[in-house]
């Protein structure tokens, strides 16, 4: 999968998200910022993102995903 396809899939699945994608072969690094993560435990946040990539993971197009998930407030405090 191309970075733009991954970005579109995650943005479609996670409401009001901003997604940064880095692709290295079939390994993907994601940064996802969304108010939808408010009040969710990290594992629930990851499940939302993984659900958007499930078909590509199952087919082997994506082998590994490393992600960081933030609410907008968390993102702002990380980059202040």
N, C-alpha and C. Protein backbone atom coordinates (compact mmCIF):
# COMPACT_ATOMS: atom_id res chain seq x y z
N UNK A 1 0.84 -1.19 0.00
CA UNK A 1 0.00 0.00 0.00
C UNK A 1 0.88 1.25 0.00
N UNK A 2 0.41 2.24 -0.69
CA UNK A 2 1.10 3.52 -0.74
C UNK A 2 0.71 4.38 0.46
N UNK A 3 1.55 5.32 0.81
CA UNK A 3 1.31 6.19 1.96
C UNK A 3 -0.03 6.92 1.84
N UNK A 4 -0.36 7.40 0.65
CA UNK A 4 -1.62 8.14 0.49
C UNK A 4 -2.84 7.24 0.67
N UNK A 5 -2.72 5.97 0.29
CA UNK A 5 -3.82 5.02 0.50
C UNK A 5 -4.01 4.73 1.98
N UNK A 6 -2.91 4.57 2.69
CA UNK A 6 -2.97 4.31 4.13
C UNK A 6 -3.55 5.51 4.85
N UNK A 7 -3.08 6.69 4.49
CA UNK A 7 -3.58 7.93 5.10
C UNK A 7 -5.09 8.06 4.89
N UNK A 8 -5.55 7.82 3.67
CA UNK A 8 -6.98 7.92 3.37
C UNK A 8 -7.80 6.89 4.15
N UNK A 9 -7.28 5.66 4.27
CA UNK A 9 -8.00 4.62 5.00
C UNK A 9 -8.14 4.96 6.47
N UNK A 10 -7.07 5.44 7.08
CA UNK A 10 -7.11 5.78 8.50
C UNK A 10 -8.00 6.99 8.73
N UNK A 11 -7.86 8.01 7.88
CA UNK A 11 -8.68 9.22 8.03
C UNK A 11 -10.17 8.91 7.85
N UNK A 12 -10.50 7.95 6.99
CA UNK A 12 -11.90 7.57 6.80
C UNK A 12 -12.45 6.83 8.01
N UNK A 13 -11.60 6.09 8.71
CA UNK A 13 -12.05 5.27 9.83
C UNK A 13 -12.04 6.00 11.16
N UNK A 14 -11.14 6.96 11.32
CA UNK A 14 -11.00 7.67 12.60
C UNK A 14 -11.46 9.11 12.38
N UNK A 15 -12.55 9.46 13.02
CA UNK A 15 -13.20 10.75 12.80
C UNK A 15 -12.26 11.93 13.07
N UNK A 16 -12.30 12.91 12.17
CA UNK A 16 -11.56 14.16 12.33
C UNK A 16 -10.08 13.96 12.61
N UNK A 17 -9.50 12.97 11.97
CA UNK A 17 -8.09 12.65 12.25
C UNK A 17 -7.14 13.35 11.29
N UNK A 18 -5.96 13.58 11.81
CA UNK A 18 -4.83 14.03 11.01
C UNK A 18 -3.81 12.90 11.09
N UNK A 19 -3.34 12.45 9.94
CA UNK A 19 -2.50 11.25 9.89
C UNK A 19 -1.20 11.56 9.17
N UNK A 20 -0.10 11.14 9.79
CA UNK A 20 1.21 11.19 9.15
C UNK A 20 1.64 9.75 8.91
N UNK A 21 2.12 9.46 7.72
CA UNK A 21 2.49 8.10 7.34
C UNK A 21 3.92 8.08 6.81
N UNK A 22 4.68 7.11 7.30
CA UNK A 22 6.01 6.83 6.74
C UNK A 22 6.02 5.35 6.38
N UNK A 23 6.38 5.05 5.12
CA UNK A 23 6.38 3.67 4.65
C UNK A 23 7.82 3.25 4.38
N UNK A 24 8.19 2.09 4.93
CA UNK A 24 9.50 1.50 4.68
C UNK A 24 9.25 0.06 4.27
N UNK A 25 9.08 -0.17 2.96
CA UNK A 25 8.73 -1.50 2.47
C UNK A 25 7.32 -1.84 2.89
N UNK A 26 7.18 -2.92 3.68
CA UNK A 26 5.84 -3.27 4.18
C UNK A 26 5.71 -2.96 5.67
N UNK A 27 6.58 -2.07 6.17
CA UNK A 27 6.51 -1.59 7.54
C UNK A 27 6.00 -0.15 7.52
N UNK A 28 5.03 0.12 8.37
CA UNK A 28 4.36 1.41 8.37
C UNK A 28 4.54 2.09 9.73
N UNK A 29 4.88 3.37 9.71
CA UNK A 29 4.92 4.19 10.92
C UNK A 29 3.83 5.24 10.80
N UNK A 30 2.98 5.31 11.81
CA UNK A 30 1.85 6.25 11.79
C UNK A 30 1.88 7.16 13.01
N UNK A 31 1.47 8.39 12.80
CA UNK A 31 1.12 9.30 13.88
C UNK A 31 -0.31 9.72 13.56
N UNK A 32 -1.22 9.47 14.50
CA UNK A 32 -2.63 9.78 14.29
C UNK A 32 -3.09 10.69 15.42
N UNK A 33 -3.64 11.84 15.06
CA UNK A 33 -4.16 12.80 16.01
C UNK A 33 -5.66 12.94 15.76
N UNK A 34 -6.46 12.71 16.79
CA UNK A 34 -7.91 12.81 16.61
C UNK A 34 -8.62 13.05 17.94
N UNK A 35 -9.66 13.88 17.93
CA UNK A 35 -10.47 14.04 19.13
C UNK A 35 -11.26 12.76 19.45
N UNK A 36 -11.35 11.84 18.49
CA UNK A 36 -12.05 10.57 18.72
C UNK A 36 -11.33 9.72 19.77
N UNK A 37 -10.05 10.02 20.03
CA UNK A 37 -9.28 9.25 21.01
C UNK A 37 -9.53 9.72 22.45
N UNK A 38 -10.24 10.80 22.61
CA UNK A 38 -10.51 11.35 23.93
C UNK A 38 -11.16 10.30 24.83
N UNK A 39 -10.56 10.04 25.97
CA UNK A 39 -11.12 9.10 26.94
C UNK A 39 -10.87 7.63 26.64
N UNK A 40 -10.19 7.33 25.54
CA UNK A 40 -9.93 5.93 25.19
C UNK A 40 -8.55 5.49 25.68
N UNK A 41 -8.47 4.26 26.14
CA UNK A 41 -7.19 3.69 26.52
C UNK A 41 -6.36 3.47 25.25
N UNK A 42 -5.02 3.44 25.39
CA UNK A 42 -4.17 3.27 24.20
C UNK A 42 -4.54 2.06 23.34
N UNK A 43 -4.90 0.94 23.95
CA UNK A 43 -5.24 -0.24 23.16
C UNK A 43 -6.49 -0.01 22.32
N UNK A 44 -7.46 0.72 22.84
CA UNK A 44 -8.68 1.02 22.08
C UNK A 44 -8.37 1.96 20.91
N UNK A 45 -7.47 2.90 21.15
CA UNK A 45 -7.05 3.79 20.06
C UNK A 45 -6.41 2.98 18.94
N UNK A 46 -5.51 2.07 19.32
CA UNK A 46 -4.83 1.25 18.33
C UNK A 46 -5.81 0.36 17.57
N UNK A 47 -6.81 -0.16 18.28
CA UNK A 47 -7.80 -1.01 17.62
C UNK A 47 -8.56 -0.24 16.55
N UNK A 48 -8.86 1.03 16.82
CA UNK A 48 -9.54 1.86 15.81
C UNK A 48 -8.69 1.99 14.55
N UNK A 49 -7.41 2.22 14.74
CA UNK A 49 -6.52 2.40 13.61
C UNK A 49 -6.30 1.07 12.88
N UNK A 50 -6.04 0.00 13.63
CA UNK A 50 -5.83 -1.32 13.01
C UNK A 50 -7.04 -1.75 12.19
N UNK A 51 -8.24 -1.44 12.66
CA UNK A 51 -9.44 -1.84 11.93
C UNK A 51 -9.45 -1.26 10.51
N UNK A 52 -8.91 -0.06 10.35
CA UNK A 52 -8.89 0.57 9.03
C UNK A 52 -7.88 -0.09 8.10
N UNK A 53 -6.93 -0.82 8.65
CA UNK A 53 -5.87 -1.44 7.85
C UNK A 53 -5.97 -2.96 7.82
N UNK A 54 -7.04 -3.51 8.37
CA UNK A 54 -7.19 -4.95 8.55
C UNK A 54 -6.99 -5.74 7.26
N UNK A 55 -7.59 -5.31 6.17
CA UNK A 55 -7.47 -6.05 4.91
C UNK A 55 -6.04 -6.08 4.40
N UNK A 56 -5.35 -4.93 4.49
CA UNK A 56 -3.96 -4.87 4.02
C UNK A 56 -3.04 -5.70 4.90
N UNK A 57 -3.32 -5.74 6.19
CA UNK A 57 -2.52 -6.56 7.10
C UNK A 57 -2.76 -8.04 6.81
N UNK A 58 -4.02 -8.41 6.63
CA UNK A 58 -4.37 -9.81 6.37
C UNK A 58 -3.76 -10.30 5.06
N UNK A 59 -3.68 -9.42 4.06
CA UNK A 59 -3.14 -9.83 2.76
C UNK A 59 -1.62 -9.86 2.75
N UNK A 60 -1.00 -9.27 3.75
CA UNK A 60 0.46 -9.21 3.80
C UNK A 60 1.03 -7.96 3.16
N UNK A 61 0.17 -7.10 2.61
CA UNK A 61 0.63 -5.85 2.01
C UNK A 61 1.29 -4.97 3.07
N UNK A 62 0.77 -5.07 4.28
CA UNK A 62 1.40 -4.41 5.44
C UNK A 62 1.80 -5.49 6.40
N UNK A 63 3.08 -5.51 6.75
CA UNK A 63 3.59 -6.53 7.66
C UNK A 63 3.61 -6.04 9.11
N UNK A 64 4.02 -4.80 9.31
CA UNK A 64 4.14 -4.28 10.67
C UNK A 64 3.69 -2.83 10.70
N UNK A 65 3.02 -2.47 11.79
CA UNK A 65 2.55 -1.11 11.98
C UNK A 65 3.05 -0.63 13.34
N UNK A 66 3.71 0.50 13.32
CA UNK A 66 4.10 1.17 14.56
C UNK A 66 3.32 2.47 14.58
N UNK A 67 2.60 2.71 15.66
CA UNK A 67 1.78 3.92 15.68
C UNK A 67 1.87 4.66 17.00
N UNK A 68 1.67 5.95 16.88
CA UNK A 68 1.51 6.81 18.04
C UNK A 68 0.18 7.51 17.85
N UNK A 69 -0.63 7.49 18.89
CA UNK A 69 -1.96 8.11 18.81
C UNK A 69 -2.07 9.20 19.86
N UNK A 70 -2.66 10.31 19.47
CA UNK A 70 -2.78 11.47 20.35
C UNK A 70 -4.14 12.11 20.20
N UNK A 71 -4.63 12.70 21.28
CA UNK A 71 -5.73 13.65 21.16
C UNK A 71 -5.10 14.96 20.70
N UNK A 72 -5.89 15.90 20.19
CA UNK A 72 -5.30 17.19 19.80
C UNK A 72 -4.57 17.88 20.95
N UNK A 73 -5.09 17.77 22.15
CA UNK A 73 -4.45 18.40 23.31
C UNK A 73 -3.11 17.74 23.61
N UNK A 74 -3.06 16.42 23.55
CA UNK A 74 -1.81 15.71 23.77
C UNK A 74 -0.78 16.07 22.71
N UNK A 75 -1.22 16.17 21.47
CA UNK A 75 -0.32 16.51 20.37
C UNK A 75 0.25 17.92 20.58
N UNK A 76 -0.63 18.85 20.96
CA UNK A 76 -0.19 20.22 21.19
C UNK A 76 0.83 20.29 22.33
N UNK A 77 0.61 19.53 23.39
CA UNK A 77 1.54 19.58 24.51
C UNK A 77 2.88 18.91 24.16
N UNK A 78 2.87 17.94 23.25
CA UNK A 78 4.09 17.28 22.81
C UNK A 78 4.93 18.20 21.92
N UNK A 79 4.27 19.12 21.24
CA UNK A 79 4.95 19.96 20.26
C UNK A 79 4.85 21.44 20.58
N UNK A 80 4.81 21.74 21.86
CA UNK A 80 4.73 23.16 22.27
C UNK A 80 6.10 23.77 22.39
